[in-house]
Amino acid sequence: MINTNIIQNKIGVSRKIIIITPTSAEDAIERCRAASALGVNAAEIVFRNGAAESVLRAVASTLPYMLIGAGTILTYDDAMRAIESGAQFIISPGATDEVANACAAMGVPYIPGVATPTEITNAVNLGFKILKLFPAKQLGGAGYIDAIAPVFPTARFIPTGGVDAENAAEYLSRPNVFAVAGSKILDFGGRE
C-alpha cells in the first residue's frame, strides 16, 4: 500500500479539495490560488478533456505548495498520463485494479471511488483507508454515511457529488469523513 502521509498532511488540514474541470491553465491556477487563500491546499484536476494534461502540468509546476491530483481516472493509461503530467495523487469515481496497479508502480497515492457496501468492503479489504464516496448527495448524503459508519469503522470518506456550502458542514461533522470535495469550494468562503 502506498504511503498516504502526503494525503493526510495536505488534505487533512482544511479537509477540503477543490475540483477543477480544466478550461485553461490560467483559470485553473487562478481557482487554485483562490482556494489556497481560503486555506484549501489540495486540488483535483478532472481528467475528462483534452486540456487536462497541459493544465495539470501547468498547475503542478506553478503552485508547488498545493497538492495537485487528477480525478475521474478510469484506466491504467489515464493514470500514467496524469502521473507523468505531475499528479501527486489519483482519484477515481470507482475502483479498478489497473488504476491501482499504475499508482502502485509509480508510488502515487490512489483514492478509489465507492458507492455500495460491497465496493467499500472490497476497497477496505485491499487496504485502502481513504475512499471517495460518489455520488454522495444522490446516495443519501450524510445520512448514508451515518448508516454505513458502524460497519466500516476503519474507512474514511471523501464525499463528492453534490457537495456545496449548504451541506459541507454536515458531512464534515461526521468522524469518518476525511474531507469533502467539490467544484463549489470557493463558494464556501470561510464557512465549514
N, C-alpha and C. Protein backbone atom coordinates (compact mmCIF):
# COMPACT_ATOMS: atom_id res chain seq x y z
N MET A 1 0.84 -1.18 0.00
CA MET A 1 0.00 0.00 0.00
C MET A 1 0.89 1.25 0.00
N ILE A 2 0.47 2.22 -0.78
CA ILE A 2 1.22 3.47 -0.90
C ILE A 2 1.07 4.28 0.39
N ASN A 3 2.16 4.87 0.83
CA ASN A 3 2.13 5.73 2.00
C ASN A 3 1.25 6.95 1.69
N THR A 4 0.22 7.13 2.48
CA THR A 4 -0.71 8.23 2.23
C THR A 4 -0.45 9.42 3.15
N ASN A 5 0.73 9.51 3.73
CA ASN A 5 1.02 10.64 4.61
C ASN A 5 0.86 11.98 3.90
N ILE A 6 1.22 12.04 2.62
CA ILE A 6 1.08 13.29 1.88
C ILE A 6 -0.39 13.69 1.83
N ILE A 7 -1.27 12.72 1.65
CA ILE A 7 -2.71 12.99 1.62
C ILE A 7 -3.15 13.47 3.01
N GLN A 8 -2.73 12.75 4.04
CA GLN A 8 -3.10 13.11 5.41
C GLN A 8 -2.63 14.52 5.75
N ASN A 9 -1.41 14.85 5.40
CA ASN A 9 -0.83 16.12 5.79
C ASN A 9 -1.41 17.31 5.04
N LYS A 10 -1.61 17.17 3.75
CA LYS A 10 -2.08 18.30 2.94
C LYS A 10 -3.59 18.47 3.00
N ILE A 11 -4.33 17.38 2.82
CA ILE A 11 -5.79 17.48 2.79
C ILE A 11 -6.36 17.53 4.20
N GLY A 12 -5.72 16.84 5.11
CA GLY A 12 -6.23 16.74 6.47
C GLY A 12 -6.33 18.06 7.21
N VAL A 13 -5.63 19.08 6.77
CA VAL A 13 -5.65 20.38 7.45
C VAL A 13 -6.97 21.11 7.18
N SER A 14 -7.28 21.37 5.92
CA SER A 14 -8.51 22.10 5.59
C SER A 14 -9.71 21.18 5.44
N ARG A 15 -9.43 19.92 5.14
CA ARG A 15 -10.46 18.91 4.91
C ARG A 15 -11.33 19.24 3.70
N LYS A 16 -10.74 19.97 2.74
CA LYS A 16 -11.46 20.33 1.53
C LYS A 16 -10.54 20.17 0.32
N ILE A 17 -11.14 19.74 -0.78
CA ILE A 17 -10.44 19.61 -2.05
C ILE A 17 -11.27 20.34 -3.10
N ILE A 18 -10.65 21.24 -3.83
CA ILE A 18 -11.37 21.89 -4.92
C ILE A 18 -11.25 21.01 -6.17
N ILE A 19 -12.36 20.80 -6.83
CA ILE A 19 -12.39 20.03 -8.07
C ILE A 19 -12.48 21.02 -9.22
N ILE A 20 -11.55 20.89 -10.15
CA ILE A 20 -11.50 21.81 -11.29
C ILE A 20 -11.60 21.02 -12.59
N THR A 21 -12.62 21.35 -13.38
CA THR A 21 -12.70 20.82 -14.75
C THR A 21 -11.97 21.82 -15.61
N PRO A 22 -10.84 21.42 -16.19
CA PRO A 22 -9.97 22.41 -16.84
C PRO A 22 -10.54 23.00 -18.12
N THR A 23 -10.46 24.32 -18.18
CA THR A 23 -10.74 25.02 -19.43
C THR A 23 -9.45 25.65 -19.94
N SER A 24 -8.67 26.18 -19.00
CA SER A 24 -7.36 26.74 -19.34
C SER A 24 -6.47 26.67 -18.12
N ALA A 25 -5.18 26.69 -18.36
CA ALA A 25 -4.23 26.67 -17.25
C ALA A 25 -4.40 27.92 -16.39
N GLU A 26 -4.60 29.06 -17.03
CA GLU A 26 -4.75 30.32 -16.29
C GLU A 26 -5.94 30.26 -15.35
N ASP A 27 -7.07 29.74 -15.83
CA ASP A 27 -8.26 29.64 -14.98
C ASP A 27 -8.02 28.69 -13.81
N ALA A 28 -7.41 27.54 -14.10
CA ALA A 28 -7.15 26.55 -13.04
C ALA A 28 -6.20 27.11 -11.99
N ILE A 29 -5.16 27.79 -12.43
CA ILE A 29 -4.20 28.39 -11.49
C ILE A 29 -4.89 29.45 -10.64
N GLU A 30 -5.71 30.27 -11.26
CA GLU A 30 -6.44 31.31 -10.51
C GLU A 30 -7.38 30.68 -9.48
N ARG A 31 -8.10 29.63 -9.85
CA ARG A 31 -9.00 28.96 -8.92
C ARG A 31 -8.23 28.30 -7.77
N CYS A 32 -7.08 27.71 -8.08
CA CYS A 32 -6.25 27.11 -7.03
C CYS A 32 -5.72 28.17 -6.07
N ARG A 33 -5.30 29.29 -6.60
CA ARG A 33 -4.81 30.38 -5.74
C ARG A 33 -5.92 30.89 -4.83
N ALA A 34 -7.12 31.04 -5.38
CA ALA A 34 -8.26 31.48 -4.59
C ALA A 34 -8.59 30.46 -3.50
N ALA A 35 -8.52 29.18 -3.86
CA ALA A 35 -8.77 28.11 -2.87
C ALA A 35 -7.71 28.16 -1.78
N SER A 36 -6.47 28.34 -2.16
CA SER A 36 -5.37 28.40 -1.20
C SER A 36 -5.56 29.57 -0.24
N ALA A 37 -6.05 30.69 -0.74
CA ALA A 37 -6.31 31.85 0.12
C ALA A 37 -7.38 31.54 1.17
N LEU A 38 -8.23 30.55 0.88
CA LEU A 38 -9.26 30.12 1.83
C LEU A 38 -8.78 28.98 2.72
N GLY A 39 -7.49 28.61 2.56
CA GLY A 39 -6.93 27.53 3.37
C GLY A 39 -7.05 26.15 2.76
N VAL A 40 -7.54 26.08 1.54
CA VAL A 40 -7.68 24.79 0.83
C VAL A 40 -6.39 24.56 0.06
N ASN A 41 -5.65 23.51 0.41
CA ASN A 41 -4.35 23.30 -0.22
C ASN A 41 -4.28 22.01 -1.03
N ALA A 42 -5.44 21.59 -1.57
CA ALA A 42 -5.47 20.42 -2.45
C ALA A 42 -6.47 20.66 -3.56
N ALA A 43 -6.09 20.22 -4.75
CA ALA A 43 -6.96 20.37 -5.92
C ALA A 43 -6.97 19.07 -6.71
N GLU A 44 -8.13 18.79 -7.26
CA GLU A 44 -8.29 17.65 -8.17
C GLU A 44 -8.60 18.21 -9.54
N ILE A 45 -7.71 17.95 -10.49
CA ILE A 45 -7.94 18.35 -11.89
C ILE A 45 -8.65 17.18 -12.57
N VAL A 46 -9.85 17.45 -13.06
CA VAL A 46 -10.66 16.40 -13.69
C VAL A 46 -10.05 16.05 -15.05
N PHE A 47 -9.87 14.78 -15.26
CA PHE A 47 -9.20 14.26 -16.46
C PHE A 47 -10.25 13.80 -17.48
N ARG A 48 -11.09 14.73 -17.94
CA ARG A 48 -12.15 14.36 -18.88
C ARG A 48 -12.06 15.06 -20.21
N ASN A 49 -11.09 15.91 -20.40
CA ASN A 49 -11.00 16.57 -21.70
C ASN A 49 -9.54 16.72 -22.12
N GLY A 50 -9.35 17.15 -23.34
CA GLY A 50 -8.01 17.23 -23.91
C GLY A 50 -7.08 18.22 -23.22
N ALA A 51 -7.65 19.17 -22.48
CA ALA A 51 -6.82 20.17 -21.80
C ALA A 51 -6.23 19.66 -20.49
N ALA A 52 -6.72 18.54 -20.00
CA ALA A 52 -6.36 18.08 -18.65
C ALA A 52 -4.85 17.94 -18.44
N GLU A 53 -4.16 17.29 -19.36
CA GLU A 53 -2.72 17.06 -19.15
C GLU A 53 -1.94 18.35 -19.07
N SER A 54 -2.17 19.26 -20.01
CA SER A 54 -1.39 20.51 -20.02
C SER A 54 -1.77 21.38 -18.81
N VAL A 55 -3.05 21.39 -18.44
CA VAL A 55 -3.47 22.17 -17.28
C VAL A 55 -2.85 21.59 -16.02
N LEU A 56 -2.91 20.29 -15.87
CA LEU A 56 -2.32 19.64 -14.70
C LEU A 56 -0.83 19.96 -14.60
N ARG A 57 -0.13 19.86 -15.70
CA ARG A 57 1.30 20.16 -15.73
C ARG A 57 1.56 21.61 -15.30
N ALA A 58 0.77 22.55 -15.82
CA ALA A 58 0.97 23.96 -15.51
C ALA A 58 0.66 24.26 -14.04
N VAL A 59 -0.43 23.70 -13.53
CA VAL A 59 -0.80 23.95 -12.13
C VAL A 59 0.25 23.36 -11.20
N ALA A 60 0.66 22.13 -11.46
CA ALA A 60 1.65 21.47 -10.59
C ALA A 60 2.97 22.22 -10.57
N SER A 61 3.39 22.75 -11.71
CA SER A 61 4.68 23.45 -11.74
C SER A 61 4.59 24.87 -11.21
N THR A 62 3.43 25.50 -11.32
CA THR A 62 3.26 26.89 -10.87
C THR A 62 2.97 26.98 -9.37
N LEU A 63 2.28 25.97 -8.83
CA LEU A 63 1.85 26.03 -7.43
C LEU A 63 2.39 24.83 -6.64
N PRO A 64 3.70 24.79 -6.41
CA PRO A 64 4.28 23.62 -5.75
C PRO A 64 3.83 23.43 -4.31
N TYR A 65 3.25 24.46 -3.69
CA TYR A 65 2.78 24.35 -2.32
C TYR A 65 1.43 23.65 -2.22
N MET A 66 0.77 23.45 -3.36
CA MET A 66 -0.52 22.76 -3.34
C MET A 66 -0.34 21.29 -3.71
N LEU A 67 -1.20 20.46 -3.17
CA LEU A 67 -1.27 19.05 -3.53
C LEU A 67 -2.20 18.95 -4.72
N ILE A 68 -1.66 18.55 -5.86
CA ILE A 68 -2.43 18.52 -7.10
C ILE A 68 -2.64 17.07 -7.52
N GLY A 69 -3.89 16.71 -7.66
CA GLY A 69 -4.23 15.35 -8.08
C GLY A 69 -5.01 15.35 -9.38
N ALA A 70 -5.24 14.17 -9.89
CA ALA A 70 -6.04 14.00 -11.11
C ALA A 70 -7.24 13.15 -10.77
N GLY A 71 -8.40 13.58 -11.23
CA GLY A 71 -9.63 12.86 -10.93
C GLY A 71 -10.31 12.32 -12.17
N THR A 72 -11.31 11.52 -11.93
CA THR A 72 -12.05 10.81 -12.98
C THR A 72 -11.10 9.92 -13.77
N ILE A 73 -10.16 9.32 -13.09
CA ILE A 73 -9.21 8.40 -13.74
C ILE A 73 -9.86 7.03 -13.82
N LEU A 74 -9.98 6.52 -15.05
CA LEU A 74 -10.70 5.26 -15.29
C LEU A 74 -9.82 4.12 -15.77
N THR A 75 -8.65 4.45 -16.34
CA THR A 75 -7.81 3.40 -16.95
C THR A 75 -6.36 3.54 -16.51
N TYR A 76 -5.61 2.48 -16.75
CA TYR A 76 -4.18 2.47 -16.50
C TYR A 76 -3.50 3.61 -17.27
N ASP A 77 -3.85 3.74 -18.56
CA ASP A 77 -3.23 4.78 -19.39
C ASP A 77 -3.55 6.18 -18.87
N ASP A 78 -4.80 6.40 -18.46
CA ASP A 78 -5.15 7.71 -17.89
C ASP A 78 -4.30 7.99 -16.65
N ALA A 79 -4.18 6.99 -15.79
CA ALA A 79 -3.39 7.16 -14.56
C ALA A 79 -1.94 7.49 -14.89
N MET A 80 -1.36 6.76 -15.82
CA MET A 80 0.04 7.01 -16.18
C MET A 80 0.22 8.40 -16.78
N ARG A 81 -0.69 8.80 -17.67
CA ARG A 81 -0.60 10.14 -18.28
C ARG A 81 -0.74 11.22 -17.20
N ALA A 82 -1.66 11.03 -16.26
CA ALA A 82 -1.85 12.01 -15.20
C ALA A 82 -0.61 12.11 -14.31
N ILE A 83 -0.06 10.98 -13.95
CA ILE A 83 1.13 10.97 -13.09
C ILE A 83 2.31 11.62 -13.82
N GLU A 84 2.47 11.29 -15.09
CA GLU A 84 3.55 11.90 -15.88
C GLU A 84 3.35 13.40 -16.05
N SER A 85 2.12 13.87 -15.92
CA SER A 85 1.82 15.31 -16.03
C SER A 85 1.95 16.03 -14.70
N GLY A 86 2.26 15.29 -13.62
CA GLY A 86 2.51 15.92 -12.33
C GLY A 86 1.51 15.61 -11.24
N ALA A 87 0.55 14.72 -11.48
CA ALA A 87 -0.42 14.39 -10.43
C ALA A 87 0.29 13.76 -9.23
N GLN A 88 -0.01 14.27 -8.05
CA GLN A 88 0.57 13.75 -6.81
C GLN A 88 -0.35 12.74 -6.13
N PHE A 89 -1.57 12.64 -6.60
CA PHE A 89 -2.49 11.59 -6.17
C PHE A 89 -3.49 11.36 -7.29
N ILE A 90 -4.10 10.20 -7.28
CA ILE A 90 -5.08 9.82 -8.29
C ILE A 90 -6.37 9.48 -7.57
N ILE A 91 -7.48 9.94 -8.14
CA ILE A 91 -8.79 9.66 -7.55
C ILE A 91 -9.74 9.23 -8.67
N SER A 92 -10.55 8.23 -8.38
CA SER A 92 -11.46 7.66 -9.38
C SER A 92 -12.89 7.67 -8.87
N PRO A 93 -13.86 7.67 -9.79
CA PRO A 93 -15.25 7.54 -9.35
C PRO A 93 -15.58 6.11 -8.92
N GLY A 94 -14.76 5.16 -9.35
CA GLY A 94 -14.90 3.76 -8.97
C GLY A 94 -13.53 3.23 -8.57
N ALA A 95 -13.40 1.94 -8.54
CA ALA A 95 -12.12 1.33 -8.17
C ALA A 95 -11.76 0.27 -9.19
N THR A 96 -10.57 0.35 -9.75
CA THR A 96 -10.12 -0.68 -10.68
C THR A 96 -8.72 -1.14 -10.31
N ASP A 97 -8.48 -2.42 -10.56
CA ASP A 97 -7.15 -2.96 -10.31
C ASP A 97 -6.11 -2.28 -11.19
N GLU A 98 -6.48 -1.98 -12.44
CA GLU A 98 -5.48 -1.41 -13.34
C GLU A 98 -5.05 -0.01 -12.89
N VAL A 99 -5.96 0.80 -12.40
CA VAL A 99 -5.57 2.12 -11.89
C VAL A 99 -4.75 1.96 -10.61
N ALA A 100 -5.19 1.06 -9.73
CA ALA A 100 -4.42 0.79 -8.50
C ALA A 100 -3.02 0.31 -8.83
N ASN A 101 -2.89 -0.54 -9.83
CA ASN A 101 -1.58 -1.05 -10.23
C ASN A 101 -0.69 0.04 -10.80
N ALA A 102 -1.26 0.94 -11.61
CA ALA A 102 -0.47 2.05 -12.16
C ALA A 102 0.04 2.93 -11.03
N CYS A 103 -0.82 3.24 -10.08
CA CYS A 103 -0.43 4.09 -8.96
C CYS A 103 0.64 3.42 -8.11
N ALA A 104 0.46 2.13 -7.85
CA ALA A 104 1.45 1.40 -7.05
C ALA A 104 2.80 1.37 -7.75
N ALA A 105 2.78 1.16 -9.07
CA ALA A 105 4.03 1.12 -9.84
C ALA A 105 4.77 2.45 -9.81
N MET A 106 4.02 3.54 -9.73
CA MET A 106 4.63 4.87 -9.74
C MET A 106 4.78 5.46 -8.34
N GLY A 107 4.30 4.76 -7.31
CA GLY A 107 4.43 5.26 -5.95
C GLY A 107 3.55 6.46 -5.65
N VAL A 108 2.39 6.52 -6.29
CA VAL A 108 1.48 7.65 -6.13
C VAL A 108 0.23 7.18 -5.39
N PRO A 109 -0.23 7.92 -4.36
CA PRO A 109 -1.43 7.52 -3.64
C PRO A 109 -2.66 7.46 -4.54
N TYR A 110 -3.50 6.47 -4.28
CA TYR A 110 -4.72 6.25 -5.04
C TYR A 110 -5.90 6.29 -4.09
N ILE A 111 -6.90 7.08 -4.44
CA ILE A 111 -8.14 7.15 -3.67
C ILE A 111 -9.24 6.58 -4.57
N PRO A 112 -9.63 5.33 -4.33
CA PRO A 112 -10.67 4.72 -5.17
C PRO A 112 -12.05 5.21 -4.78
N GLY A 113 -12.95 5.21 -5.75
CA GLY A 113 -14.32 5.61 -5.50
C GLY A 113 -15.19 4.43 -5.14
N VAL A 114 -16.14 4.67 -4.25
CA VAL A 114 -17.08 3.64 -3.80
C VAL A 114 -18.47 4.25 -3.69
N ALA A 115 -19.48 3.37 -3.75
CA ALA A 115 -20.85 3.80 -3.52
C ALA A 115 -21.60 2.79 -2.66
N THR A 116 -21.37 1.53 -2.90
CA THR A 116 -22.14 0.48 -2.22
C THR A 116 -21.33 -0.18 -1.11
N PRO A 117 -22.01 -0.86 -0.18
CA PRO A 117 -21.28 -1.61 0.84
C PRO A 117 -20.32 -2.65 0.25
N THR A 118 -20.69 -3.27 -0.85
CA THR A 118 -19.80 -4.25 -1.50
C THR A 118 -18.53 -3.57 -1.97
N GLU A 119 -18.66 -2.41 -2.60
CA GLU A 119 -17.48 -1.69 -3.07
C GLU A 119 -16.61 -1.23 -1.91
N ILE A 120 -17.23 -0.76 -0.85
CA ILE A 120 -16.47 -0.33 0.33
C ILE A 120 -15.73 -1.52 0.93
N THR A 121 -16.42 -2.66 1.06
CA THR A 121 -15.79 -3.87 1.59
C THR A 121 -14.58 -4.26 0.77
N ASN A 122 -14.73 -4.28 -0.55
CA ASN A 122 -13.61 -4.65 -1.43
C ASN A 122 -12.44 -3.69 -1.27
N ALA A 123 -12.71 -2.39 -1.23
CA ALA A 123 -11.63 -1.40 -1.10
C ALA A 123 -10.93 -1.52 0.25
N VAL A 124 -11.70 -1.68 1.32
CA VAL A 124 -11.11 -1.81 2.66
C VAL A 124 -10.28 -3.10 2.73
N ASN A 125 -10.79 -4.18 2.15
CA ASN A 125 -10.04 -5.45 2.18
C ASN A 125 -8.75 -5.38 1.37
N LEU A 126 -8.68 -4.46 0.40
CA LEU A 126 -7.45 -4.26 -0.35
C LEU A 126 -6.48 -3.32 0.37
N GLY A 127 -6.90 -2.79 1.51
CA GLY A 127 -6.01 -1.95 2.30
C GLY A 127 -6.23 -0.46 2.15
N PHE A 128 -7.22 -0.04 1.39
CA PHE A 128 -7.48 1.38 1.22
C PHE A 128 -8.24 1.90 2.44
N LYS A 129 -7.79 3.02 2.97
CA LYS A 129 -8.42 3.60 4.16
C LYS A 129 -9.19 4.88 3.83
N ILE A 130 -8.76 5.59 2.79
CA ILE A 130 -9.43 6.82 2.37
C ILE A 130 -10.12 6.52 1.04
N LEU A 131 -11.44 6.76 1.01
CA LEU A 131 -12.25 6.40 -0.14
C LEU A 131 -13.09 7.58 -0.61
N LYS A 132 -13.20 7.74 -1.90
CA LYS A 132 -14.11 8.73 -2.46
C LYS A 132 -15.51 8.15 -2.43
N LEU A 133 -16.47 8.85 -1.84
CA LEU A 133 -17.86 8.41 -1.82
C LEU A 133 -18.60 9.21 -2.88
N PHE A 134 -19.03 8.51 -3.94
CA PHE A 134 -19.61 9.19 -5.10
C PHE A 134 -20.75 8.38 -5.69
N PRO A 135 -21.83 9.03 -6.03
CA PRO A 135 -22.22 10.44 -5.82
C PRO A 135 -22.89 10.60 -4.46
N ALA A 136 -22.25 11.29 -3.57
CA ALA A 136 -22.65 11.34 -2.16
C ALA A 136 -24.07 11.84 -1.96
N LYS A 137 -24.43 12.95 -2.56
CA LYS A 137 -25.77 13.50 -2.34
C LYS A 137 -26.84 12.53 -2.82
N GLN A 138 -26.64 11.96 -3.98
CA GLN A 138 -27.62 11.05 -4.55
C GLN A 138 -27.70 9.73 -3.78
N LEU A 139 -26.63 9.37 -3.08
CA LEU A 139 -26.64 8.16 -2.25
C LEU A 139 -27.39 8.35 -0.93
N GLY A 140 -27.65 9.59 -0.57
CA GLY A 140 -28.34 9.86 0.68
C GLY A 140 -27.60 10.82 1.59
N GLY A 141 -26.49 11.36 1.11
CA GLY A 141 -25.76 12.37 1.86
C GLY A 141 -25.22 11.88 3.19
N ALA A 142 -25.25 12.76 4.18
CA ALA A 142 -24.69 12.44 5.49
C ALA A 142 -25.44 11.28 6.15
N GLY A 143 -26.73 11.14 5.86
CA GLY A 143 -27.50 10.03 6.41
C GLY A 143 -26.97 8.69 5.94
N TYR A 144 -26.54 8.62 4.69
CA TYR A 144 -25.95 7.38 4.17
C TYR A 144 -24.64 7.09 4.89
N ILE A 145 -23.84 8.11 5.10
CA ILE A 145 -22.58 7.94 5.81
C ILE A 145 -22.83 7.44 7.24
N ASP A 146 -23.84 8.00 7.90
CA ASP A 146 -24.20 7.54 9.24
C ASP A 146 -24.59 6.06 9.24
N ALA A 147 -25.31 5.65 8.20
CA ALA A 147 -25.78 4.26 8.13
C ALA A 147 -24.64 3.26 7.93
N ILE A 148 -23.63 3.64 7.16
CA ILE A 148 -22.54 2.70 6.87
C ILE A 148 -21.39 2.78 7.86
N ALA A 149 -21.31 3.86 8.62
CA ALA A 149 -20.18 4.07 9.54
C ALA A 149 -19.93 2.92 10.50
N PRO A 150 -20.95 2.38 11.16
CA PRO A 150 -20.67 1.30 12.12
C PRO A 150 -20.11 0.03 11.48
N VAL A 151 -20.44 -0.18 10.22
CA VAL A 151 -20.00 -1.39 9.51
C VAL A 151 -18.56 -1.26 9.03
N PHE A 152 -18.12 -0.04 8.75
CA PHE A 152 -16.78 0.21 8.20
C PHE A 152 -16.02 1.21 9.07
N PRO A 153 -15.65 0.81 10.30
CA PRO A 153 -15.04 1.76 11.23
C PRO A 153 -13.67 2.26 10.81
N THR A 154 -12.97 1.55 9.92
CA THR A 154 -11.63 2.00 9.52
C THR A 154 -11.65 2.86 8.26
N ALA A 155 -12.79 2.92 7.58
CA ALA A 155 -12.86 3.69 6.33
C ALA A 155 -13.10 5.16 6.64
N ARG A 156 -12.40 6.00 5.88
CA ARG A 156 -12.62 7.45 5.95
C ARG A 156 -13.02 7.90 4.56
N PHE A 157 -14.05 8.71 4.48
CA PHE A 157 -14.65 9.05 3.20
C PHE A 157 -14.40 10.49 2.78
N ILE A 158 -14.34 10.67 1.46
CA ILE A 158 -14.32 11.98 0.84
C ILE A 158 -15.58 12.06 -0.02
N PRO A 159 -16.67 12.62 0.54
CA PRO A 159 -17.88 12.74 -0.26
C PRO A 159 -17.68 13.72 -1.41
N THR A 160 -18.14 13.34 -2.58
CA THR A 160 -18.17 14.21 -3.75
C THR A 160 -19.48 13.96 -4.47
N GLY A 161 -19.87 14.90 -5.27
CA GLY A 161 -21.13 14.80 -5.97
C GLY A 161 -22.22 15.48 -5.17
N GLY A 162 -22.45 16.75 -5.48
CA GLY A 162 -23.48 17.50 -4.77
C GLY A 162 -23.01 18.16 -3.49
N VAL A 163 -21.71 18.19 -3.25
CA VAL A 163 -21.19 18.87 -2.06
C VAL A 163 -21.21 20.38 -2.33
N ASP A 164 -21.82 21.11 -1.42
CA ASP A 164 -21.90 22.56 -1.58
C ASP A 164 -21.80 23.24 -0.21
N ALA A 165 -21.91 24.56 -0.21
CA ALA A 165 -21.77 25.33 1.03
C ALA A 165 -22.86 24.97 2.04
N GLU A 166 -23.99 24.49 1.56
CA GLU A 166 -25.10 24.16 2.45
C GLU A 166 -24.91 22.83 3.18
N ASN A 167 -24.25 21.85 2.56
CA ASN A 167 -24.15 20.53 3.20
C ASN A 167 -22.74 20.15 3.62
N ALA A 168 -21.74 20.96 3.31
CA ALA A 168 -20.35 20.62 3.63
C ALA A 168 -20.15 20.43 5.14
N ALA A 169 -20.70 21.33 5.94
CA ALA A 169 -20.52 21.22 7.40
C ALA A 169 -21.16 19.96 7.94
N GLU A 170 -22.30 19.58 7.37
CA GLU A 170 -22.96 18.36 7.81
C GLU A 170 -22.07 17.14 7.54
N TYR A 171 -21.46 17.09 6.36
CA TYR A 171 -20.53 16.00 6.06
C TYR A 171 -19.33 16.04 7.00
N LEU A 172 -18.74 17.22 7.14
CA LEU A 172 -17.50 17.35 7.92
C LEU A 172 -17.70 17.08 9.40
N SER A 173 -18.92 17.12 9.87
CA SER A 173 -19.19 16.83 11.28
C SER A 173 -19.13 15.33 11.58
N ARG A 174 -19.10 14.50 10.53
CA ARG A 174 -19.03 13.05 10.73
C ARG A 174 -17.58 12.65 10.97
N PRO A 175 -17.32 11.83 12.01
CA PRO A 175 -15.94 11.46 12.32
C PRO A 175 -15.28 10.59 11.24
N ASN A 176 -16.07 9.93 10.41
CA ASN A 176 -15.48 9.09 9.37
C ASN A 176 -15.40 9.81 8.02
N VAL A 177 -15.63 11.11 8.01
CA VAL A 177 -15.42 11.91 6.80
C VAL A 177 -14.05 12.56 6.91
N PHE A 178 -13.19 12.20 5.99
CA PHE A 178 -11.83 12.73 5.98
C PHE A 178 -11.80 14.15 5.43
N ALA A 179 -12.57 14.37 4.34
CA ALA A 179 -12.60 15.67 3.67
C ALA A 179 -13.83 15.69 2.77
N VAL A 180 -14.14 16.85 2.23
CA VAL A 180 -15.16 16.98 1.20
C VAL A 180 -14.48 17.50 -0.05
N ALA A 181 -15.06 17.18 -1.20
CA ALA A 181 -14.50 17.66 -2.47
C ALA A 181 -15.64 18.15 -3.35
N GLY A 182 -15.37 19.27 -4.01
CA GLY A 182 -16.38 19.80 -4.91
C GLY A 182 -15.87 20.96 -5.72
N SER A 183 -16.59 21.25 -6.77
CA SER A 183 -16.22 22.36 -7.64
C SER A 183 -16.65 23.70 -7.05
N LYS A 184 -17.52 23.66 -6.05
CA LYS A 184 -18.05 24.90 -5.46
C LYS A 184 -17.35 25.29 -4.16
N ILE A 185 -16.17 24.74 -3.91
CA ILE A 185 -15.42 25.05 -2.68
C ILE A 185 -15.23 26.56 -2.52
N LEU A 186 -15.01 27.28 -3.60
CA LEU A 186 -14.79 28.71 -3.49
C LEU A 186 -16.03 29.44 -2.98
N ASP A 187 -17.21 28.83 -3.16
CA ASP A 187 -18.45 29.44 -2.68
C ASP A 187 -18.59 29.29 -1.16
N PHE A 188 -17.78 28.44 -0.53
CA PHE A 188 -17.89 28.20 0.91
C PHE A 188 -17.42 29.41 1.70
N GLY A 189 -16.49 30.20 1.11
CA GLY A 189 -15.90 31.32 1.84
C GLY A 189 -15.25 30.80 3.11
N GLY A 190 -15.49 31.43 4.22
CA GLY A 190 -14.92 31.00 5.49
C GLY A 190 -15.74 29.92 6.17
N ARG A 191 -16.87 29.54 5.57
CA ARG A 191 -17.75 28.54 6.21
C ARG A 191 -17.15 27.16 6.12
N GLU A 192 -17.48 26.34 7.10
CA GLU A 192 -17.10 24.92 7.08
C GLU A 192 -18.06 24.16 6.23
